[in-house]
Amino acid sequence: MTDIGEMSYFLGVEVKQMQDKLFMTQKRYAEKILSRFKMKNCKPVAIPAEAGIELRIDSNRQLAL
């Protein structure tokens, strides 16, 4: 194993190391995908679900096989 310094980009995840924090983002990966599919100028849309809500399976519902 070789130490090549601080990690900055690994498997599509950009890593910013600060003194007391580690910040990870996939901004560059998302921009690459938008460019590939010619969607860089599309309008962003808010998440259509309430943030922090816990999703559960309805126990009364039968699963289709």
C-alpha atoms as a PDB file:
ATOM      1  CA  MET A   1       0.000   0.000   0.000  1.00  0.00           C
ATOM      2  CA  THR A   2       1.322   3.446  -0.912  1.00  0.00           C
ATOM      3  CA  ASP A   3       0.365   6.797   0.605  1.00  0.00           C
ATOM      4  CA  ILE A   4      -0.203   9.222  -2.286  1.00  0.00           C
ATOM      5  CA  GLY A   5      -1.561  12.070  -0.170  1.00  0.00           C
ATOM      6  CA  GLU A   6      -5.058  13.329   0.515  1.00  0.00           C
ATOM      7  CA  MET A   7      -7.862  11.802  -1.489  1.00  0.00           C
ATOM      8  CA  SER A   8      -9.708  14.279  -3.724  1.00  0.00           C
ATOM      9  CA  TYR A   9     -11.713  12.132  -6.173  1.00  0.00           C
ATOM     10  CA  PHE A  10     -12.583   8.437  -5.915  1.00  0.00           C
ATOM     11  CA  LEU A  11     -15.199   6.337  -7.775  1.00  0.00           C
ATOM     12  CA  GLY A  12     -17.292   9.351  -8.800  1.00  0.00           C
ATOM     13  CA  VAL A  13     -17.164  10.945  -5.349  1.00  0.00           C
ATOM     14  CA  GLU A  14     -15.311  14.215  -4.831  1.00  0.00           C
ATOM     15  CA  VAL A  15     -13.781  14.458  -1.354  1.00  0.00           C
ATOM     16  CA  LYS A  16     -12.815  17.720   0.365  1.00  0.00           C
ATOM     17  CA  GLN A  17     -10.837  17.256   3.557  1.00  0.00           C
ATOM     18  CA  MET A  18     -10.907  20.074   6.084  1.00  0.00           C
ATOM     19  CA  GLN A  19      -9.269  20.303   9.483  1.00  0.00           C
ATOM     20  CA  ASP A  20     -12.241  18.881  11.398  1.00  0.00           C
ATOM     21  CA  LYS A  21     -14.600  17.750   8.594  1.00  0.00           C
ATOM     22  CA  LEU A  22     -14.804  15.524   5.556  1.00  0.00           C
ATOM     23  CA  PHE A  23     -17.162  16.730   2.793  1.00  0.00           C
ATOM     24  CA  MET A  24     -18.238  14.335   0.033  1.00  0.00           C
ATOM     25  CA  THR A  25     -20.192  15.280  -3.095  1.00  0.00           C
ATOM     26  CA  GLN A  26     -21.064  13.864  -6.515  1.00  0.00           C
ATOM     27  CA  LYS A  27     -21.428  17.274  -8.190  1.00  0.00           C
ATOM     28  CA  ARG A  28     -18.822  16.581 -10.887  1.00  0.00           C
ATOM     29  CA  TYR A  29     -20.389  13.174 -11.636  1.00  0.00           C
ATOM     30  CA  ALA A  30     -23.884  14.720 -11.912  1.00  0.00           C
ATOM     31  CA  GLU A  31     -22.586  17.456 -14.235  1.00  0.00           C
ATOM     32  CA  LYS A  32     -20.951  14.811 -16.437  1.00  0.00           C
ATOM     33  CA  ILE A  33     -24.243  12.877 -16.713  1.00  0.00           C
ATOM     34  CA  LEU A  34     -26.184  16.069 -17.534  1.00  0.00           C
ATOM     35  CA  SER A  35     -23.656  16.946 -20.242  1.00  0.00           C
ATOM     36  CA  ARG A  36     -23.754  13.453 -21.725  1.00  0.00           C
ATOM     37  CA  PHE A  37     -27.522  13.600 -22.179  1.00  0.00           C
ATOM     38  CA  LYS A  38     -27.567  17.290 -23.227  1.00  0.00           C
ATOM     39  CA  MET A  39     -29.516  18.345 -20.125  1.00  0.00           C
ATOM     40  CA  LYS A  40     -27.192  21.034 -18.701  1.00  0.00           C
ATOM     41  CA  ASN A  41     -29.724  23.807 -19.389  1.00  0.00           C
ATOM     42  CA  CYS A  42     -32.771  21.989 -17.979  1.00  0.00           C
ATOM     43  CA  LYS A  43     -34.697  23.530 -15.110  1.00  0.00           C
ATOM     44  CA  PRO A  44     -34.167  21.900 -11.707  1.00  0.00           C
ATOM     45  CA  VAL A  45     -37.203  20.429  -9.940  1.00  0.00           C
ATOM     46  CA  ALA A  46     -37.749  20.198  -6.208  1.00  0.00           C
ATOM     47  CA  ILE A  47     -37.993  16.725  -4.696  1.00  0.00           C
ATOM     48  CA  PRO A  48     -41.668  15.696  -4.980  1.00  0.00           C
ATOM     49  CA  ALA A  49     -41.668  14.076  -1.528  1.00  0.00           C
ATOM     50  CA  GLU A  50     -41.427  15.377   2.011  1.00  0.00           C
ATOM     51  CA  ALA A  51     -37.832  15.329   3.265  1.00  0.00           C
ATOM     52  CA  GLY A  52     -37.077  12.971   6.158  1.00  0.00           C
ATOM     53  CA  ILE A  53     -40.228  10.873   5.759  1.00  0.00           C
ATOM     54  CA  GLU A  54     -39.846   7.151   6.489  1.00  0.00           C
ATOM     55  CA  LEU A  55     -41.390   4.865   3.867  1.00  0.00           C
ATOM     56  CA  ARG A  56     -42.904   1.574   4.980  1.00  0.00           C
ATOM     57  CA  ILE A  57     -44.705  -1.320   3.302  1.00  0.00           C
ATOM     58  CA  ASP A  58     -48.419  -1.423   4.095  1.00  0.00           C
ATOM     59  CA  SER A  59     -48.884  -4.607   6.133  1.00  0.00           C
ATOM     60  CA  ASN A  60     -52.510  -4.986   4.919  1.00  0.00           C
ATOM     61  CA  ARG A  61     -51.491  -5.094   1.270  1.00  0.00           C
ATOM     62  CA  GLN A  62     -50.810  -8.412  -0.481  1.00  0.00           C
ATOM     63  CA  LEU A  63     -47.775  -8.572  -2.741  1.00  0.00           C
ATOM     64  CA  ALA A  64     -48.356  -9.586  -6.360  1.00  0.00           C
ATOM     65  CA  LEU A  65     -46.246 -12.530  -7.473  1.00  0.00           C
END
